[in-house]
């Protein structure tokens, strides 16, 4: 069974003591690809360099919305340079975050739009983050994000940009079914992580059950969002199998099929060998 972790912050300091062992455990667990998203220029640089150190590692480059206050336009030239690296497969982690208040909403939206324009220029899909101000599944954040994405995808189609066929993924999707279906209608995949394994998270389980396997990706978001039964400890990419097992359970299929379909989806989105 071949698994894919489409979102793992392997460059974070929490992996410094045993990063090589973490990758080896992932390989032993059947993980064939891991995507490392950047959250700012330094993190993106680290992600690209780390991706070059092992065959199963790949990178995304971008400015996370909580880092938007420190964004300057000249960073796009650095991202253009790094985009030429063969292990760079996406622009991300980008998006909107109305929870932390680290940058004004308008600033976040401007930074996102500039990075979407870069993604269109480079023909690279986007790894998208969104988080509402409170704990509600939907609100102003996802509404603003979907409006921006609708306009962007419409532009891609008008320009006959082939990226319109694989625009990106809404990582760690936490919205409702209406928002999920809107994202899917625009061509996006939805990322599923550890929270689907939590015993009391029936809302997330029911949502994932309602989404076709053809539109799902598996991710850990490690070192965060650790699945059961390891909740409370550091997450790592070897645990994607637990997420695949839960997806299989809610979709009433085999774990092998869940792993195969989500890995195929990742390959279609990220165009890796």
C-alpha atoms as a PDB file:
ATOM      1  CA  UNK A   1       0.000   0.000   0.000  1.00  0.00           C
ATOM      2  CA  UNK A   2       1.525   3.290  -1.157  1.00  0.00           C
ATOM      3  CA  UNK A   3       0.570   6.396   0.816  1.00  0.00           C
ATOM      4  CA  UNK A   4       1.173  10.093   0.261  1.00  0.00           C
ATOM      5  CA  UNK A   5       1.508  12.874   2.829  1.00  0.00           C
ATOM      6  CA  UNK A   6       0.573  16.047   0.969  1.00  0.00           C
ATOM      7  CA  UNK A   7       1.265  18.442   3.853  1.00  0.00           C
ATOM      8  CA  UNK A   8       4.055  17.953   6.390  1.00  0.00           C
ATOM      9  CA  UNK A   9       6.183  20.713   7.980  1.00  0.00           C
ATOM     10  CA  UNK A  10       9.249  18.499   8.133  1.00  0.00           C
ATOM     11  CA  UNK A  11      11.518  21.557   8.221  1.00  0.00           C
ATOM     12  CA  UNK A  12      10.166  22.686  11.616  1.00  0.00           C
ATOM     13  CA  UNK A  13      12.493  22.617  14.635  1.00  0.00           C
ATOM     14  CA  UNK A  14      10.533  19.848  16.353  1.00  0.00           C
ATOM     15  CA  UNK A  15      12.018  17.424  13.817  1.00  0.00           C
ATOM     16  CA  UNK A  16      15.627  18.542  14.303  1.00  0.00           C
ATOM     17  CA  UNK A  17      16.582  15.718  16.727  1.00  0.00           C
ATOM     18  CA  UNK A  18      15.431  12.826  14.503  1.00  0.00           C
ATOM     19  CA  UNK A  19      14.442  14.058  11.040  1.00  0.00           C
ATOM     20  CA  UNK A  20      16.202  11.249   9.182  1.00  0.00           C
ATOM     21  CA  UNK A  21      14.569   8.653  11.423  1.00  0.00           C
ATOM     22  CA  UNK A  22      11.154  10.264  10.825  1.00  0.00           C
ATOM     23  CA  UNK A  23      11.619   9.930   7.072  1.00  0.00           C
ATOM     24  CA  UNK A  24      12.755   6.331   7.454  1.00  0.00           C
ATOM     25  CA  UNK A  25       9.696   5.482   9.554  1.00  0.00           C
ATOM     26  CA  UNK A  26       7.530   7.020   6.850  1.00  0.00           C
ATOM     27  CA  UNK A  27       9.186   4.869   4.207  1.00  0.00           C
ATOM     28  CA  UNK A  28       8.687   1.763   6.358  1.00  0.00           C
ATOM     29  CA  UNK A  29       4.996   2.691   6.744  1.00  0.00           C
ATOM     30  CA  UNK A  30       4.564   2.772   2.969  1.00  0.00           C
ATOM     31  CA  UNK A  31       4.741   6.531   2.392  1.00  0.00           C
ATOM     32  CA  UNK A  32       6.012   7.171  -1.111  1.00  0.00           C
ATOM     33  CA  UNK A  33       5.826  10.974  -1.290  1.00  0.00           C
ATOM     34  CA  UNK A  34       5.871  13.827   1.260  1.00  0.00           C
ATOM     35  CA  UNK A  35       5.215  17.479   0.377  1.00  0.00           C
ATOM     36  CA  UNK A  36       6.848  20.096   2.627  1.00  0.00           C
ATOM     37  CA  UNK A  37       5.091  23.504   2.404  1.00  0.00           C
ATOM     38  CA  UNK A  38       6.867  26.739   3.211  1.00  0.00           C
ATOM     39  CA  UNK A  39       5.285  29.384   5.436  1.00  0.00           C
ATOM     40  CA  UNK A  40       7.660  32.289   4.702  1.00  0.00           C
ATOM     41  CA  UNK A  41      10.778  32.904   2.617  1.00  0.00           C
ATOM     42  CA  UNK A  42      13.174  31.245   5.078  1.00  0.00           C
ATOM     43  CA  UNK A  43      10.896  28.246   5.575  1.00  0.00           C
ATOM     44  CA  UNK A  44      10.379  27.890   1.827  1.00  0.00           C
ATOM     45  CA  UNK A  45      14.137  27.920   1.294  1.00  0.00           C
ATOM     46  CA  UNK A  46      14.551  25.247   3.966  1.00  0.00           C
ATOM     47  CA  UNK A  47      11.768  23.163   2.416  1.00  0.00           C
ATOM     48  CA  UNK A  48      13.433  23.191  -1.004  1.00  0.00           C
ATOM     49  CA  UNK A  49      16.836  22.285   0.402  1.00  0.00           C
ATOM     50  CA  UNK A  50      15.321  19.520   2.513  1.00  0.00           C
ATOM     51  CA  UNK A  51      13.400  18.180  -0.473  1.00  0.00           C
ATOM     52  CA  UNK A  52      16.678  17.770  -2.294  1.00  0.00           C
ATOM     53  CA  UNK A  53      18.017  15.501   0.437  1.00  0.00           C
ATOM     54  CA  UNK A  54      15.744  12.474  -0.096  1.00  0.00           C
ATOM     55  CA  UNK A  55      13.897  10.948  -3.073  1.00  0.00           C
ATOM     56  CA  UNK A  56      10.458  10.947  -1.400  1.00  0.00           C
ATOM     57  CA  UNK A  57      10.571  14.621  -0.335  1.00  0.00           C
ATOM     58  CA  UNK A  58       9.117  17.517  -2.357  1.00  0.00           C
ATOM     59  CA  UNK A  59       8.503  21.195  -1.575  1.00  0.00           C
ATOM     60  CA  UNK A  60       6.004  24.028  -1.899  1.00  0.00           C
ATOM     61  CA  UNK A  61       7.018  27.678  -1.568  1.00  0.00           C
ATOM     62  CA  UNK A  62       4.957  30.581  -0.290  1.00  0.00           C
ATOM     63  CA  UNK A  63       3.883  33.006   2.431  1.00  0.00           C
ATOM     64  CA  UNK A  64       1.398  31.750   5.028  1.00  0.00           C
ATOM     65  CA  UNK A  65      -1.370  34.259   5.843  1.00  0.00           C
ATOM     66  CA  UNK A  66      -0.141  34.605   9.425  1.00  0.00           C
ATOM     67  CA  UNK A  67       3.175  35.783   7.904  1.00  0.00           C
ATOM     68  CA  UNK A  68       1.520  38.272   5.557  1.00  0.00           C
ATOM     69  CA  UNK A  69       2.537  41.322   7.593  1.00  0.00           C
ATOM     70  CA  UNK A  70       6.176  40.651   6.716  1.00  0.00           C
ATOM     71  CA  UNK A  71       5.553  40.170   3.008  1.00  0.00           C
ATOM     72  CA  UNK A  72       7.211  42.408   0.428  1.00  0.00           C
ATOM     73  CA  UNK A  73       6.766  42.105  -3.310  1.00  0.00           C
ATOM     74  CA  UNK A  74      10.443  41.381  -3.962  1.00  0.00           C
ATOM     75  CA  UNK A  75       9.944  37.969  -2.329  1.00  0.00           C
ATOM     76  CA  UNK A  76       8.219  36.859  -5.525  1.00  0.00           C
ATOM     77  CA  UNK A  77      11.557  37.013  -7.330  1.00  0.00           C
ATOM     78  CA  UNK A  78      13.027  34.630  -4.757  1.00  0.00           C
ATOM     79  CA  UNK A  79      10.086  32.278  -5.279  1.00  0.00           C
ATOM     80  CA  UNK A  80      10.563  32.448  -9.044  1.00  0.00           C
ATOM     81  CA  UNK A  81      14.164  31.398  -8.547  1.00  0.00           C
ATOM     82  CA  UNK A  82      13.262  28.489  -6.264  1.00  0.00           C
ATOM     83  CA  UNK A  83      10.442  27.399  -8.574  1.00  0.00           C
ATOM     84  CA  UNK A  84      13.069  26.220 -11.055  1.00  0.00           C
ATOM     85  CA  UNK A  85      14.177  23.526  -8.619  1.00  0.00           C
ATOM     86  CA  UNK A  86      12.821  20.161  -9.826  1.00  0.00           C
ATOM     87  CA  UNK A  87      11.492  19.286  -6.359  1.00  0.00           C
ATOM     88  CA  UNK A  88       9.220  22.365  -6.144  1.00  0.00           C
ATOM     89  CA  UNK A  89       5.679  21.277  -7.001  1.00  0.00           C
ATOM     90  CA  UNK A  90       3.348  23.967  -5.644  1.00  0.00           C
ATOM     91  CA  UNK A  91       2.887  27.474  -4.259  1.00  0.00           C
ATOM     92  CA  UNK A  92       2.019  27.236  -0.591  1.00  0.00           C
ATOM     93  CA  UNK A  93       1.150  27.364   2.137  1.00  0.00           C
ATOM     94  CA  UNK A  94      -0.927  30.434   1.243  1.00  0.00           C
ATOM     95  CA  UNK A  95      -4.446  31.570   2.044  1.00  0.00           C
ATOM     96  CA  UNK A  96      -6.425  33.485   4.663  1.00  0.00           C
ATOM     97  CA  UNK A  97      -6.425  33.256   8.462  1.00  0.00           C
ATOM     98  CA  UNK A  98      -8.962  35.339  10.390  1.00  0.00           C
ATOM     99  CA  UNK A  99      -8.304  33.542  13.679  1.00  0.00           C
ATOM    100  CA  UNK A 100      -4.880  34.771  14.773  1.00  0.00           C
ATOM    101  CA  UNK A 101      -5.171  38.439  13.800  1.00  0.00           C
ATOM    102  CA  UNK A 102      -1.516  38.638  12.802  1.00  0.00           C
ATOM    103  CA  UNK A 103      -2.274  40.685   9.676  1.00  0.00           C
ATOM    104  CA  UNK A 104      -5.283  42.746   8.535  1.00  0.00           C
ATOM    105  CA  UNK A 105      -7.737  40.831   6.356  1.00  0.00           C
ATOM    106  CA  UNK A 106      -7.185  43.165   3.413  1.00  0.00           C
ATOM    107  CA  UNK A 107      -3.416  42.668   3.617  1.00  0.00           C
ATOM    108  CA  UNK A 108      -3.851  38.898   3.671  1.00  0.00           C
ATOM    109  CA  UNK A 109      -6.115  39.070   0.649  1.00  0.00           C
ATOM    110  CA  UNK A 110      -3.607  41.201  -1.278  1.00  0.00           C
ATOM    111  CA  UNK A 111      -0.749  38.813  -0.471  1.00  0.00           C
ATOM    112  CA  UNK A 112      -2.857  35.830  -1.476  1.00  0.00           C
ATOM    113  CA  UNK A 113      -3.828  37.406  -4.805  1.00  0.00           C
ATOM    114  CA  UNK A 114      -0.204  38.187  -5.632  1.00  0.00           C
ATOM    115  CA  UNK A 115       0.775  34.598  -4.928  1.00  0.00           C
ATOM    116  CA  UNK A 116      -2.133  33.269  -6.976  1.00  0.00           C
ATOM    117  CA  UNK A 117      -0.888  35.392  -9.863  1.00  0.00           C
ATOM    118  CA  UNK A 118       2.560  33.885  -9.383  1.00  0.00           C
ATOM    119  CA  UNK A 119       1.079  30.385  -9.363  1.00  0.00           C
ATOM    120  CA  UNK A 120      -0.681  31.131 -12.654  1.00  0.00           C
ATOM    121  CA  UNK A 121       2.551  32.458 -14.140  1.00  0.00           C
ATOM    122  CA  UNK A 122       4.547  29.406 -13.039  1.00  0.00           C
ATOM    123  CA  UNK A 123       1.752  26.881 -13.753  1.00  0.00           C
ATOM    124  CA  UNK A 124       2.038  25.575 -10.179  1.00  0.00           C
ATOM    125  CA  UNK A 125      -1.003  24.538  -8.078  1.00  0.00           C
ATOM    126  CA  UNK A 126      -1.653  26.209  -4.733  1.00  0.00           C
ATOM    127  CA  UNK A 127      -1.746  24.743  -1.204  1.00  0.00           C
ATOM    128  CA  UNK A 128      -4.421  26.764   0.596  1.00  0.00           C
ATOM    129  CA  UNK A 129      -4.964  27.465   4.288  1.00  0.00           C
ATOM    130  CA  UNK A 130      -8.065  29.023   5.798  1.00  0.00           C
ATOM    131  CA  UNK A 131      -9.150  29.479   9.387  1.00  0.00           C
ATOM    132  CA  UNK A 132     -12.196  31.294  10.685  1.00  0.00           C
ATOM    133  CA  UNK A 133     -12.089  33.805  13.555  1.00  0.00           C
ATOM    134  CA  UNK A 134     -13.858  31.391  15.889  1.00  0.00           C
ATOM    135  CA  UNK A 135     -14.582  27.690  15.835  1.00  0.00           C
ATOM    136  CA  UNK A 136     -17.475  27.813  13.354  1.00  0.00           C
ATOM    137  CA  UNK A 137     -16.993  25.622  10.267  1.00  0.00           C
ATOM    138  CA  UNK A 138     -17.790  28.498   7.911  1.00  0.00           C
ATOM    139  CA  UNK A 139     -17.843  32.276   7.995  1.00  0.00           C
ATOM    140  CA  UNK A 140     -16.216  35.314   6.436  1.00  0.00           C
ATOM    141  CA  UNK A 141     -12.849  33.602   5.913  1.00  0.00           C
ATOM    142  CA  UNK A 142     -13.993  30.722   3.716  1.00  0.00           C
ATOM    143  CA  UNK A 143     -16.483  33.004   1.933  1.00  0.00           C
ATOM    144  CA  UNK A 144     -13.731  35.504   1.084  1.00  0.00           C
ATOM    145  CA  UNK A 145     -11.369  32.719   0.064  1.00  0.00           C
ATOM    146  CA  UNK A 146     -13.858  31.040  -2.264  1.00  0.00           C
ATOM    147  CA  UNK A 147     -14.737  34.382  -3.872  1.00  0.00           C
ATOM    148  CA  UNK A 148     -11.064  35.062  -4.572  1.00  0.00           C
ATOM    149  CA  UNK A 149     -10.529  31.537  -5.898  1.00  0.00           C
ATOM    150  CA  UNK A 150     -13.614  31.751  -8.116  1.00  0.00           C
ATOM    151  CA  UNK A 151     -12.250  34.896  -9.741  1.00  0.00           C
ATOM    152  CA  UNK A 152      -8.791  33.339 -10.088  1.00  0.00           C
ATOM    153  CA  UNK A 153      -9.983  30.107 -11.688  1.00  0.00           C
ATOM    154  CA  UNK A 154     -12.253  32.078 -14.034  1.00  0.00           C
ATOM    155  CA  UNK A 155      -9.192  34.045 -15.127  1.00  0.00           C
ATOM    156  CA  UNK A 156      -7.187  30.855 -15.642  1.00  0.00           C
ATOM    157  CA  UNK A 157      -9.906  29.500 -17.911  1.00  0.00           C
ATOM    158  CA  UNK A 158     -10.160  32.745 -19.873  1.00  0.00           C
ATOM    159  CA  UNK A 159      -6.381  32.653 -20.406  1.00  0.00           C
ATOM    160  CA  UNK A 160      -6.589  28.956 -21.369  1.00  0.00           C
ATOM    161  CA  UNK A 161      -4.108  28.247 -18.597  1.00  0.00           C
ATOM    162  CA  UNK A 162      -3.922  24.480 -18.044  1.00  0.00           C
ATOM    163  CA  UNK A 163      -3.575  25.130 -14.320  1.00  0.00           C
ATOM    164  CA  UNK A 164      -7.372  25.528 -14.302  1.00  0.00           C
ATOM    165  CA  UNK A 165      -7.544  21.724 -14.539  1.00  0.00           C
ATOM    166  CA  UNK A 166      -5.561  21.274 -11.288  1.00  0.00           C
ATOM    167  CA  UNK A 167      -5.631  24.595  -9.396  1.00  0.00           C
ATOM    168  CA  UNK A 168      -4.842  23.279  -5.916  1.00  0.00           C
ATOM    169  CA  UNK A 169      -6.015  21.909  -2.589  1.00  0.00           C
ATOM    170  CA  UNK A 170      -7.759  23.382   0.445  1.00  0.00           C
ATOM    171  CA  UNK A 171      -5.541  21.830   3.079  1.00  0.00           C
ATOM    172  CA  UNK A 172      -6.975  20.480   6.342  1.00  0.00           C
ATOM    173  CA  UNK A 173     -10.453  21.317   5.115  1.00  0.00           C
ATOM    174  CA  UNK A 174     -12.724  22.318   8.007  1.00  0.00           C
ATOM    175  CA  UNK A 175     -15.643  23.970   6.222  1.00  0.00           C
ATOM    176  CA  UNK A 176     -19.133  22.650   5.647  1.00  0.00           C
ATOM    177  CA  UNK A 177     -20.469  20.617   2.737  1.00  0.00           C
ATOM    178  CA  UNK A 178     -21.652  23.673   0.810  1.00  0.00           C
ATOM    179  CA  UNK A 179     -18.164  25.193   0.890  1.00  0.00           C
ATOM    180  CA  UNK A 180     -16.620  21.824   0.006  1.00  0.00           C
ATOM    181  CA  UNK A 181     -18.838  21.410  -3.044  1.00  0.00           C
ATOM    182  CA  UNK A 182     -18.072  24.967  -4.171  1.00  0.00           C
ATOM    183  CA  UNK A 183     -14.330  24.299  -3.929  1.00  0.00           C
ATOM    184  CA  UNK A 184     -14.716  21.028  -5.829  1.00  0.00           C
ATOM    185  CA  UNK A 185     -16.744  22.776  -8.545  1.00  0.00           C
ATOM    186  CA  UNK A 186     -13.743  25.073  -9.047  1.00  0.00           C
ATOM    187  CA  UNK A 187     -11.470  22.053  -9.493  1.00  0.00           C
ATOM    188  CA  UNK A 188      -9.889  21.939  -6.038  1.00  0.00           C
ATOM    189  CA  UNK A 189      -9.061  18.919  -3.913  1.00  0.00           C
ATOM    190  CA  UNK A 190      -9.744  18.802  -0.169  1.00  0.00           C
ATOM    191  CA  UNK A 191      -7.089  17.752   2.341  1.00  0.00           C
ATOM    192  CA  UNK A 192      -7.983  15.332   5.139  1.00  0.00           C
ATOM    193  CA  UNK A 193      -5.845  15.034   8.259  1.00  0.00           C
ATOM    194  CA  UNK A 194      -5.754  13.739  11.810  1.00  0.00           C
ATOM    195  CA  UNK A 195      -8.989  15.360  13.067  1.00  0.00           C
ATOM    196  CA  UNK A 196     -11.048  12.839  11.100  1.00  0.00           C
ATOM    197  CA  UNK A 197      -9.776  10.162  13.521  1.00  0.00           C
ATOM    198  CA  UNK A 198     -10.985  11.958  16.663  1.00  0.00           C
ATOM    199  CA  UNK A 199     -13.772  10.013  18.321  1.00  0.00           C
ATOM    200  CA  UNK A 200     -16.149  12.943  18.786  1.00  0.00           C
ATOM    201  CA  UNK A 201     -15.528  14.578  15.414  1.00  0.00           C
ATOM    202  CA  UNK A 202     -18.568  13.104  13.677  1.00  0.00           C
ATOM    203  CA  UNK A 203     -19.120  16.295  11.688  1.00  0.00           C
ATOM    204  CA  UNK A 204     -15.734  15.936   9.958  1.00  0.00           C
ATOM    205  CA  UNK A 205     -16.316  12.228   9.364  1.00  0.00           C
ATOM    206  CA  UNK A 206     -19.737  12.844   7.808  1.00  0.00           C
ATOM    207  CA  UNK A 207     -18.295  15.582   5.609  1.00  0.00           C
ATOM    208  CA  UNK A 208     -15.494  13.359   4.307  1.00  0.00           C
ATOM    209  CA  UNK A 209     -17.990  10.562   3.689  1.00  0.00           C
ATOM    210  CA  UNK A 210     -19.970  12.930   1.440  1.00  0.00           C
ATOM    211  CA  UNK A 211     -16.941  13.880  -0.697  1.00  0.00           C
ATOM    212  CA  UNK A 212     -15.926  11.547  -3.558  1.00  0.00           C
ATOM    213  CA  UNK A 213     -12.600   9.790  -3.031  1.00  0.00           C
ATOM    214  CA  UNK A 214     -11.523  11.321  -6.347  1.00  0.00           C
ATOM    215  CA  UNK A 215     -11.369  14.763  -4.678  1.00  0.00           C
ATOM    216  CA  UNK A 216      -9.595  13.862  -1.423  1.00  0.00           C
ATOM    217  CA  UNK A 217      -5.939  14.101  -0.405  1.00  0.00           C
ATOM    218  CA  UNK A 218      -4.360  12.730   2.782  1.00  0.00           C
ATOM    219  CA  UNK A 219      -2.080  14.868   4.923  1.00  0.00           C
ATOM    220  CA  UNK A 220      -0.637  14.944   8.416  1.00  0.00           C
ATOM    221  CA  UNK A 221       0.108  18.675   8.843  1.00  0.00           C
ATOM    222  CA  UNK A 222       2.878  17.307  11.057  1.00  0.00           C
ATOM    223  CA  UNK A 223       3.995  18.155  13.664  1.00  0.00           C
ATOM    224  CA  UNK A 224       0.377  19.277  14.307  1.00  0.00           C
ATOM    225  CA  UNK A 225      -3.030  17.527  14.236  1.00  0.00           C
ATOM    226  CA  UNK A 226      -1.787  14.158  15.458  1.00  0.00           C
ATOM    227  CA  UNK A 227      -4.307  11.371  14.794  1.00  0.00           C
ATOM    228  CA  UNK A 228      -5.621   8.868  17.301  1.00  0.00           C
ATOM    229  CA  UNK A 229      -4.183   6.913  19.084  1.00  0.00           C
ATOM    230  CA  UNK A 230      -1.096   9.204  19.177  1.00  0.00           C
ATOM    231  CA  UNK A 231      -3.002  12.403  19.937  1.00  0.00           C
ATOM    232  CA  UNK A 232      -1.100  14.625  22.342  1.00  0.00           C
ATOM    233  CA  UNK A 233       2.278  13.666  20.871  1.00  0.00           C
ATOM    234  CA  UNK A 234       4.201  15.054  17.920  1.00  0.00           C
ATOM    235  CA  UNK A 235       2.684  14.085  14.590  1.00  0.00           C
ATOM    236  CA  UNK A 236       4.775  12.564  11.793  1.00  0.00           C
ATOM    237  CA  UNK A 237       4.201  11.364   8.207  1.00  0.00           C
ATOM    238  CA  UNK A 238       4.161   7.657   9.100  1.00  0.00           C
ATOM    239  CA  UNK A 239       0.766   8.307  10.678  1.00  0.00           C
ATOM    240  CA  UNK A 240      -0.938   8.958   7.318  1.00  0.00           C
ATOM    241  CA  UNK A 241      -1.944   5.294   7.359  1.00  0.00           C
ATOM    242  CA  UNK A 242      -4.246   5.991  10.320  1.00  0.00           C
ATOM    243  CA  UNK A 243      -5.954   8.700   8.284  1.00  0.00           C
ATOM    244  CA  UNK A 244      -6.271   6.406   5.272  1.00  0.00           C
ATOM    245  CA  UNK A 245      -7.848   3.763   7.508  1.00  0.00           C
ATOM    246  CA  UNK A 246     -10.449   6.236   8.782  1.00  0.00           C
ATOM    247  CA  UNK A 247     -11.245   7.513   5.287  1.00  0.00           C
ATOM    248  CA  UNK A 248     -11.730   3.891   4.233  1.00  0.00           C
ATOM    249  CA  UNK A 249     -14.058   3.346   7.178  1.00  0.00           C
ATOM    250  CA  UNK A 250     -16.339   6.299   6.399  1.00  0.00           C
ATOM    251  CA  UNK A 251     -16.313   5.511   2.670  1.00  0.00           C
ATOM    252  CA  UNK A 252     -16.911   1.793   3.315  1.00  0.00           C
ATOM    253  CA  UNK A 253     -13.957   0.713   1.200  1.00  0.00           C
ATOM    254  CA  UNK A 254     -10.596  -0.936   1.817  1.00  0.00           C
ATOM    255  CA  UNK A 255      -7.651   1.045   3.216  1.00  0.00           C
ATOM    256  CA  UNK A 256      -5.747  -0.006   0.118  1.00  0.00           C
ATOM    257  CA  UNK A 257      -8.265   1.683  -2.150  1.00  0.00           C
ATOM    258  CA  UNK A 258      -8.273   4.843  -0.024  1.00  0.00           C
ATOM    259  CA  UNK A 259      -4.468   4.949  -0.177  1.00  0.00           C
ATOM    260  CA  UNK A 260      -4.380   4.253  -3.907  1.00  0.00           C
ATOM    261  CA  UNK A 261      -6.995   6.865  -4.813  1.00  0.00           C
ATOM    262  CA  UNK A 262      -5.596   9.650  -2.650  1.00  0.00           C
ATOM    263  CA  UNK A 263      -2.043   8.979  -3.862  1.00  0.00           C
ATOM    264  CA  UNK A 264      -3.265   9.065  -7.450  1.00  0.00           C
ATOM    265  CA  UNK A 265      -5.043  12.359  -6.734  1.00  0.00           C
ATOM    266  CA  UNK A 266      -1.830  13.809  -5.308  1.00  0.00           C
ATOM    267  CA  UNK A 267       0.131  12.747  -8.385  1.00  0.00           C
ATOM    268  CA  UNK A 268      -2.432  14.375 -10.655  1.00  0.00           C
ATOM    269  CA  UNK A 269      -2.331  17.607  -8.669  1.00  0.00           C
ATOM    270  CA  UNK A 270       1.395  17.862  -8.074  1.00  0.00           C
ATOM    271  CA  UNK A 271       2.737  16.295 -11.293  1.00  0.00           C
ATOM    272  CA  UNK A 272       5.472  14.291  -9.638  1.00  0.00           C
ATOM    273  CA  UNK A 273       6.916  11.091 -11.049  1.00  0.00           C
END
